[in-house]
Amino acid sequence: MNDLPDIPTPCVGICRLDPASGRCEGCMRTAREIARWPYADNEEKLAIVHELRRRRRAAGITSPADSRPRRRKAPV
């Protein structure tokens, strides 16, 4: 996956960790995922993005982007 452009951060600028879930209230990443992001390769970033999509759907939080078919497949 090295030939893919960099995957942008999922940060939405609401940076507060929920004490109950341990996830950011804005982007739904865990503290570990937030810390890994600058060092992760595109494969790891894509896995995080797909996991965030799953979390948003499970929480009933969706956007039009969540309904679009993806050009990139989730890593196995």
PDB file of N, CA and C in Angstrom:
ATOM      1  N   MET A   1       0.808  -1.200   0.000  1.00  0.00           N
ATOM      2  CA  MET A   1       0.000   0.000   0.000  1.00  0.00           C
ATOM      3  C   MET A   1       0.851   1.265   0.000  1.00  0.00           C
ATOM      4  N   ASN A   2       2.119   1.147  -0.232  1.00  0.00           N
ATOM      5  CA  ASN A   2       2.989   2.306  -0.192  1.00  0.00           C
ATOM      6  C   ASN A   2       2.709   3.308  -1.301  1.00  0.00           C
ATOM      7  N   ASP A   3       2.006   2.900  -2.369  1.00  0.00           N
ATOM      8  CA  ASP A   3       1.761   3.803  -3.474  1.00  0.00           C
ATOM      9  C   ASP A   3       0.528   4.678  -3.263  1.00  0.00           C
ATOM     10  N   LEU A   4      -0.152   4.533  -2.144  1.00  0.00           N
ATOM     11  CA  LEU A   4      -1.323   5.352  -1.848  1.00  0.00           C
ATOM     12  C   LEU A   4      -0.901   6.689  -1.254  1.00  0.00           C
ATOM     13  N   PRO A   5      -1.684   7.739  -1.528  1.00  0.00           N
ATOM     14  CA  PRO A   5      -1.382   9.019  -0.868  1.00  0.00           C
ATOM     15  C   PRO A   5      -1.634   8.898   0.630  1.00  0.00           C
ATOM     16  N   ASP A   6      -1.040   9.801   1.394  1.00  0.00           N
ATOM     17  CA  ASP A   6      -1.237   9.773   2.839  1.00  0.00           C
ATOM     18  C   ASP A   6      -2.713   9.885   3.182  1.00  0.00           C
ATOM     19  N   ILE A   7      -3.123   9.122   4.156  1.00  0.00           N
ATOM     20  CA  ILE A   7      -4.502   9.147   4.624  1.00  0.00           C
ATOM     21  C   ILE A   7      -4.615  10.269   5.658  1.00  0.00           C
ATOM     22  N   PRO A   8      -5.551  11.209   5.461  1.00  0.00           N
ATOM     23  CA  PRO A   8      -5.651  12.336   6.396  1.00  0.00           C
ATOM     24  C   PRO A   8      -6.145  11.894   7.766  1.00  0.00           C
ATOM     25  N   THR A   9      -5.796  12.668   8.755  1.00  0.00           N
ATOM     26  CA  THR A   9      -6.216  12.375  10.123  1.00  0.00           C
ATOM     27  C   THR A   9      -7.738  12.425  10.246  1.00  0.00           C
ATOM     28  N   PRO A  10      -8.323  11.543  11.040  1.00  0.00           N
ATOM     29  CA  PRO A  10      -9.762  11.590  11.271  1.00  0.00           C
ATOM     30  C   PRO A  10     -10.164  12.611  12.341  1.00  0.00           C
ATOM     31  N   CYS A  11      -9.192  13.348  12.872  1.00  0.00           N
ATOM     32  CA  CYS A  11      -9.477  14.338  13.911  1.00  0.00           C
ATOM     33  C   CYS A  11     -10.483  15.367  13.402  1.00  0.00           C
ATOM     34  N   VAL A  12     -11.476  15.675  14.241  1.00  0.00           N
ATOM     35  CA  VAL A  12     -12.483  16.679  13.883  1.00  0.00           C
ATOM     36  C   VAL A  12     -12.388  17.899  14.791  1.00  0.00           C
ATOM     37  N   GLY A  13     -11.332  17.969  15.602  1.00  0.00           N
ATOM     38  CA  GLY A  13     -11.101  19.138  16.439  1.00  0.00           C
ATOM     39  C   GLY A  13     -11.865  19.160  17.746  1.00  0.00           C
ATOM     40  N   ILE A  14     -12.508  18.066  18.095  1.00  0.00           N
ATOM     41  CA  ILE A  14     -13.179  17.939  19.400  1.00  0.00           C
ATOM     42  C   ILE A  14     -12.368  16.899  20.157  1.00  0.00           C
ATOM     43  N   CYS A  15     -11.370  17.347  20.871  1.00  0.00           N
ATOM     44  CA  CYS A  15     -10.370  16.446  21.438  1.00  0.00           C
ATOM     45  C   CYS A  15     -10.553  16.275  22.943  1.00  0.00           C
ATOM     46  N   ARG A  16     -11.456  15.375  23.306  1.00  0.00           N
ATOM     47  CA  ARG A  16     -11.702  15.042  24.720  1.00  0.00           C
ATOM     48  C   ARG A  16     -11.891  13.540  24.829  1.00  0.00           C
ATOM     49  N   LEU A  17     -11.111  12.913  25.700  1.00  0.00           N
ATOM     50  CA  LEU A  17     -11.287  11.473  25.911  1.00  0.00           C
ATOM     51  C   LEU A  17     -12.433  11.238  26.877  1.00  0.00           C
ATOM     52  N   ASP A  18     -13.354  10.412  26.467  1.00  0.00           N
ATOM     53  CA  ASP A  18     -14.472  10.019  27.312  1.00  0.00           C
ATOM     54  C   ASP A  18     -13.939   9.043  28.357  1.00  0.00           C
ATOM     55  N   PRO A  19     -14.092   9.355  29.653  1.00  0.00           N
ATOM     56  CA  PRO A  19     -13.533   8.462  30.677  1.00  0.00           C
ATOM     57  C   PRO A  19     -14.170   7.075  30.685  1.00  0.00           C
ATOM     58  N   ALA A  20     -15.425   6.984  30.291  1.00  0.00           N
ATOM     59  CA  ALA A  20     -16.111   5.687  30.316  1.00  0.00           C
ATOM     60  C   ALA A  20     -15.627   4.767  29.194  1.00  0.00           C
ATOM     61  N   SER A  21     -15.514   5.304  27.987  1.00  0.00           N
ATOM     62  CA  SER A  21     -15.143   4.465  26.846  1.00  0.00           C
ATOM     63  C   SER A  21     -13.652   4.492  26.546  1.00  0.00           C
ATOM     64  N   GLY A  22     -12.953   5.563  26.984  1.00  0.00           N
ATOM     65  CA  GLY A  22     -11.544   5.719  26.659  1.00  0.00           C
ATOM     66  C   GLY A  22     -11.314   6.190  25.241  1.00  0.00           C
ATOM     67  N   ARG A  23     -12.388   6.653  24.581  1.00  0.00           N
ATOM     68  CA  ARG A  23     -12.290   7.115  23.194  1.00  0.00           C
ATOM     69  C   ARG A  23     -12.490   8.617  23.120  1.00  0.00           C
ATOM     70  N   CYS A  24     -11.911   9.211  22.096  1.00  0.00           N
ATOM     71  CA  CYS A  24     -12.096  10.634  21.857  1.00  0.00           C
ATOM     72  C   CYS A  24     -13.562  10.889  21.506  1.00  0.00           C
ATOM     73  N   GLU A  25     -14.141  11.927  22.097  1.00  0.00           N
ATOM     74  CA  GLU A  25     -15.539  12.261  21.822  1.00  0.00           C
ATOM     75  C   GLU A  25     -15.733  12.769  20.401  1.00  0.00           C
ATOM     76  N   GLY A  26     -14.687  13.282  19.779  1.00  0.00           N
ATOM     77  CA  GLY A  26     -14.796  13.806  18.423  1.00  0.00           C
ATOM     78  C   GLY A  26     -14.609  12.747  17.351  1.00  0.00           C
ATOM     79  N   CYS A  27     -13.456  12.100  17.349  1.00  0.00           N
ATOM     80  CA  CYS A  27     -13.129  11.173  16.259  1.00  0.00           C
ATOM     81  C   CYS A  27     -13.338   9.703  16.621  1.00  0.00           C
ATOM     82  N   MET A  28     -13.561   9.413  17.876  1.00  0.00           N
ATOM     83  CA  MET A  28     -13.796   8.056  18.375  1.00  0.00           C
ATOM     84  C   MET A  28     -12.553   7.166  18.399  1.00  0.00           C
ATOM     85  N   ARG A  29     -11.366   7.790  18.248  1.00  0.00           N
ATOM     86  CA  ARG A  29     -10.143   6.991  18.369  1.00  0.00           C
ATOM     87  C   ARG A  29      -9.790   6.794  19.834  1.00  0.00           C
ATOM     88  N   THR A  30      -9.093   5.703  20.110  1.00  0.00           N
ATOM     89  CA  THR A  30      -8.560   5.480  21.443  1.00  0.00           C
ATOM     90  C   THR A  30      -7.289   6.306  21.588  1.00  0.00           C
ATOM     91  N   ALA A  31      -6.820   6.467  22.811  1.00  0.00           N
ATOM     92  CA  ALA A  31      -5.576   7.202  23.036  1.00  0.00           C
ATOM     93  C   ALA A  31      -4.417   6.539  22.294  1.00  0.00           C
ATOM     94  N   ARG A  32      -4.405   5.234  22.248  1.00  0.00           N
ATOM     95  CA  ARG A  32      -3.354   4.508  21.524  1.00  0.00           C
ATOM     96  C   ARG A  32      -3.411   4.820  20.033  1.00  0.00           C
ATOM     97  N   GLU A  33      -4.611   4.813  19.454  1.00  0.00           N
ATOM     98  CA  GLU A  33      -4.746   5.104  18.026  1.00  0.00           C
ATOM     99  C   GLU A  33      -4.322   6.538  17.707  1.00  0.00           C
ATOM    100  N   ILE A  34      -4.650   7.460  18.595  1.00  0.00           N
ATOM    101  CA  ILE A  34      -4.244   8.861  18.408  1.00  0.00           C
ATOM    102  C   ILE A  34      -2.722   8.967  18.451  1.00  0.00           C
ATOM    103  N   ALA A  35      -2.101   8.305  19.420  1.00  0.00           N
ATOM    104  CA  ALA A  35      -0.646   8.359  19.565  1.00  0.00           C
ATOM    105  C   ALA A  35       0.067   7.680  18.393  1.00  0.00           C
ATOM    106  N   ARG A  36      -0.506   6.630  17.843  1.00  0.00           N
ATOM    107  CA  ARG A  36       0.112   5.882  16.744  1.00  0.00           C
ATOM    108  C   ARG A  36       0.011   6.610  15.417  1.00  0.00           C
ATOM    109  N   TRP A  37      -1.030   7.439  15.240  1.00  0.00           N
ATOM    110  CA  TRP A  37      -1.339   8.010  13.928  1.00  0.00           C
ATOM    111  C   TRP A  37      -0.128   8.632  13.217  1.00  0.00           C
ATOM    112  N   PRO A  38       0.652   9.500  13.845  1.00  0.00           N
ATOM    113  CA  PRO A  38       1.766  10.129  13.120  1.00  0.00           C
ATOM    114  C   PRO A  38       2.834   9.136  12.652  1.00  0.00           C
ATOM    115  N   TYR A  39       2.911   7.980  13.270  1.00  0.00           N
ATOM    116  CA  TYR A  39       3.947   6.994  12.970  1.00  0.00           C
ATOM    117  C   TYR A  39       3.433   5.816  12.145  1.00  0.00           C
ATOM    118  N   ALA A  40       2.122   5.711  11.994  1.00  0.00           N
ATOM    119  CA  ALA A  40       1.519   4.572  11.308  1.00  0.00           C
ATOM    120  C   ALA A  40       1.705   4.680   9.798  1.00  0.00           C
ATOM    121  N   ASP A  41       1.875   3.520   9.158  1.00  0.00           N
ATOM    122  CA  ASP A  41       1.903   3.524   7.701  1.00  0.00           C
ATOM    123  C   ASP A  41       0.451   3.532   7.202  1.00  0.00           C
ATOM    124  N   ASN A  42       0.279   3.652   5.894  1.00  0.00           N
ATOM    125  CA  ASN A  42      -1.074   3.753   5.347  1.00  0.00           C
ATOM    126  C   ASN A  42      -1.928   2.527   5.647  1.00  0.00           C
ATOM    127  N   GLU A  43      -1.321   1.369   5.701  1.00  0.00           N
ATOM    128  CA  GLU A  43      -2.077   0.151   6.001  1.00  0.00           C
ATOM    129  C   GLU A  43      -2.684   0.228   7.406  1.00  0.00           C
ATOM    130  N   GLU A  44      -1.881   0.652   8.371  1.00  0.00           N
ATOM    131  CA  GLU A  44      -2.375   0.782   9.747  1.00  0.00           C
ATOM    132  C   GLU A  44      -3.418   1.897   9.847  1.00  0.00           C
ATOM    133  N   LYS A  45      -3.166   3.027   9.167  1.00  0.00           N
ATOM    134  CA  LYS A  45      -4.131   4.130   9.183  1.00  0.00           C
ATOM    135  C   LYS A  45      -5.466   3.691   8.581  1.00  0.00           C
ATOM    136  N   LEU A  46      -5.406   2.957   7.482  1.00  0.00           N
ATOM    137  CA  LEU A  46      -6.626   2.483   6.849  1.00  0.00           C
ATOM    138  C   LEU A  46      -7.396   1.543   7.771  1.00  0.00           C
ATOM    139  N   ALA A  47      -6.689   0.694   8.502  1.00  0.00           N
ATOM    140  CA  ALA A  47      -7.342  -0.197   9.461  1.00  0.00           C
ATOM    141  C   ALA A  47      -8.035   0.615  10.559  1.00  0.00           C
ATOM    142  N   ILE A  48      -7.390   1.668  11.023  1.00  0.00           N
ATOM    143  CA  ILE A  48      -7.996   2.530  12.049  1.00  0.00           C
ATOM    144  C   ILE A  48      -9.239   3.210  11.492  1.00  0.00           C
ATOM    145  N   VAL A  49      -9.148   3.741  10.271  1.00  0.00           N
ATOM    146  CA  VAL A  49     -10.285   4.422   9.648  1.00  0.00           C
ATOM    147  C   VAL A  49     -11.471   3.471   9.507  1.00  0.00           C
ATOM    148  N   HIS A  50     -11.218   2.243   9.090  1.00  0.00           N
ATOM    149  CA  HIS A  50     -12.302   1.269   8.964  1.00  0.00           C
ATOM    150  C   HIS A  50     -12.906   0.924  10.329  1.00  0.00           C
ATOM    151  N   GLU A  51     -12.063   0.833  11.342  1.00  0.00           N
ATOM    152  CA  GLU A  51     -12.567   0.569  12.695  1.00  0.00           C
ATOM    153  C   GLU A  51     -13.408   1.736  13.187  1.00  0.00           C
ATOM    154  N   LEU A  52     -13.003   2.960  12.886  1.00  0.00           N
ATOM    155  CA  LEU A  52     -13.787   4.135  13.288  1.00  0.00           C
ATOM    156  C   LEU A  52     -15.145   4.129  12.610  1.00  0.00           C
ATOM    157  N   ARG A  53     -15.179   3.733  11.365  1.00  0.00           N
ATOM    158  CA  ARG A  53     -16.458   3.635  10.653  1.00  0.00           C
ATOM    159  C   ARG A  53     -17.375   2.624  11.346  1.00  0.00           C
ATOM    160  N   ARG A  54     -16.804   1.486  11.729  1.00  0.00           N
ATOM    161  CA  ARG A  54     -17.588   0.462  12.432  1.00  0.00           C
ATOM    162  C   ARG A  54     -18.110   1.009  13.763  1.00  0.00           C
ATOM    163  N   ARG A  55     -17.246   1.726  14.495  1.00  0.00           N
ATOM    164  CA  ARG A  55     -17.659   2.296  15.782  1.00  0.00           C
ATOM    165  C   ARG A  55     -18.773   3.320  15.615  1.00  0.00           C
ATOM    166  N   ARG A  56     -18.657   4.181  14.591  1.00  0.00           N
ATOM    167  CA  ARG A  56     -19.705   5.176  14.363  1.00  0.00           C
ATOM    168  C   ARG A  56     -21.031   4.503  14.053  1.00  0.00           C
ATOM    169  N   ARG A  57     -20.995   3.499  13.209  1.00  0.00           N
ATOM    170  CA  ARG A  57     -22.237   2.782  12.874  1.00  0.00           C
ATOM    171  C   ARG A  57     -22.830   2.120  14.116  1.00  0.00           C
ATOM    172  N   ALA A  58     -21.988   1.500  14.921  1.00  0.00           N
ATOM    173  CA  ALA A  58     -22.468   0.836  16.136  1.00  0.00           C
ATOM    174  C   ALA A  58     -23.088   1.835  17.102  1.00  0.00           C
ATOM    175  N   ALA A  59     -22.578   3.067  17.091  1.00  0.00           N
ATOM    176  CA  ALA A  59     -23.092   4.109  17.980  1.00  0.00           C
ATOM    177  C   ALA A  59     -24.262   4.869  17.353  1.00  0.00           C
ATOM    178  N   GLY A  60     -24.609   4.526  16.110  1.00  0.00           N
ATOM    179  CA  GLY A  60     -25.693   5.229  15.424  1.00  0.00           C
ATOM    180  C   GLY A  60     -25.281   6.597  14.911  1.00  0.00           C
ATOM    181  N   ILE A  61     -23.987   6.822  14.783  1.00  0.00           N
ATOM    182  CA  ILE A  61     -23.465   8.090  14.287  1.00  0.00           C
ATOM    183  C   ILE A  61     -22.940   7.846  12.877  1.00  0.00           C
ATOM    184  N   THR A  62     -23.651   8.361  11.897  1.00  0.00           N
ATOM    185  CA  THR A  62     -23.205   8.164  10.525  1.00  0.00           C
ATOM    186  C   THR A  62     -23.207   9.489   9.779  1.00  0.00           C
ATOM    187  N   SER A  63     -22.508   9.494   8.699  1.00  0.00           N
ATOM    188  CA  SER A  63     -22.463  10.657   7.821  1.00  0.00           C
ATOM    189  C   SER A  63     -22.653  10.156   6.398  1.00  0.00           C
ATOM    190  N   PRO A  64     -22.914  11.046   5.455  1.00  0.00           N
ATOM    191  CA  PRO A  64     -23.011  10.592   4.065  1.00  0.00           C
ATOM    192  C   PRO A  64     -21.764   9.844   3.609  1.00  0.00           C
ATOM    193  N   ALA A  65     -20.607  10.232   4.130  1.00  0.00           N
ATOM    194  CA  ALA A  65     -19.365   9.549   3.749  1.00  0.00           C
ATOM    195  C   ALA A  65     -19.359   8.091   4.197  1.00  0.00           C
ATOM    196  N   ASP A  66     -20.042   7.788   5.305  1.00  0.00           N
ATOM    197  CA  ASP A  66     -20.082   6.406   5.779  1.00  0.00           C
ATOM    198  C   ASP A  66     -20.904   5.512   4.864  1.00  0.00           C
ATOM    199  N   SER A  67     -21.776   6.090   4.085  1.00  0.00           N
ATOM    200  CA  SER A  67     -22.646   5.310   3.208  1.00  0.00           C
ATOM    201  C   SER A  67     -22.052   5.103   1.818  1.00  0.00           C
ATOM    202  N   ARG A  68     -21.031   5.870   1.484  1.00  0.00           N
ATOM    203  CA  ARG A  68     -20.405   5.722   0.159  1.00  0.00           C
ATOM    204  C   ARG A  68     -19.592   4.447   0.103  1.00  0.00           C
ATOM    205  N   PRO A  69     -19.604   3.789  -1.048  1.00  0.00           N
ATOM    206  CA  PRO A  69     -18.721   2.625  -1.191  1.00  0.00           C
ATOM    207  C   PRO A  69     -17.267   3.069  -1.112  1.00  0.00           C
ATOM    208  N   ARG A  70     -16.443   2.236  -0.559  1.00  0.00           N
ATOM    209  CA  ARG A  70     -15.026   2.561  -0.392  1.00  0.00           C
ATOM    210  C   ARG A  70     -14.231   2.055  -1.590  1.00  0.00           C
ATOM    211  N   ARG A  71     -13.269   2.872  -2.009  1.00  0.00           N
ATOM    212  CA  ARG A  71     -12.369   2.462  -3.082  1.00  0.00           C
ATOM    213  C   ARG A  71     -11.267   1.558  -2.547  1.00  0.00           C
ATOM    214  N   ARG A  72     -10.977   1.727  -1.269  1.00  0.00           N
ATOM    215  CA  ARG A  72      -9.922   0.935  -0.652  1.00  0.00           C
ATOM    216  C   ARG A  72     -10.569  -0.132   0.223  1.00  0.00           C
ATOM    217  N   LYS A  73     -10.045  -1.296   0.155  1.00  0.00           N
ATOM    218  CA  LYS A  73     -10.558  -2.392   0.975  1.00  0.00           C
ATOM    219  C   LYS A  73      -9.879  -2.383   2.342  1.00  0.00           C
ATOM    220  N   ALA A  74     -10.604  -2.829   3.338  1.00  0.00           N
ATOM    221  CA  ALA A  74     -10.026  -2.957   4.677  1.00  0.00           C
ATOM    222  C   ALA A  74      -8.954  -4.035   4.650  1.00  0.00           C
ATOM    223  N   PRO A  75      -7.855  -3.833   5.368  1.00  0.00           N
ATOM    224  CA  PRO A  75      -6.811  -4.870   5.412  1.00  0.00           C
ATOM    225  C   PRO A  75      -7.333  -6.128   6.098  1.00  0.00           C
ATOM    226  N   VAL A  76      -6.814  -7.233   5.657  1.00  0.00           N
ATOM    227  CA  VAL A  76      -7.249  -8.523   6.198  1.00  0.00           C
ATOM    228  C   VAL A  76      -6.513  -8.829   7.466  1.00  0.00           C
TER     229      VAL A  76
END
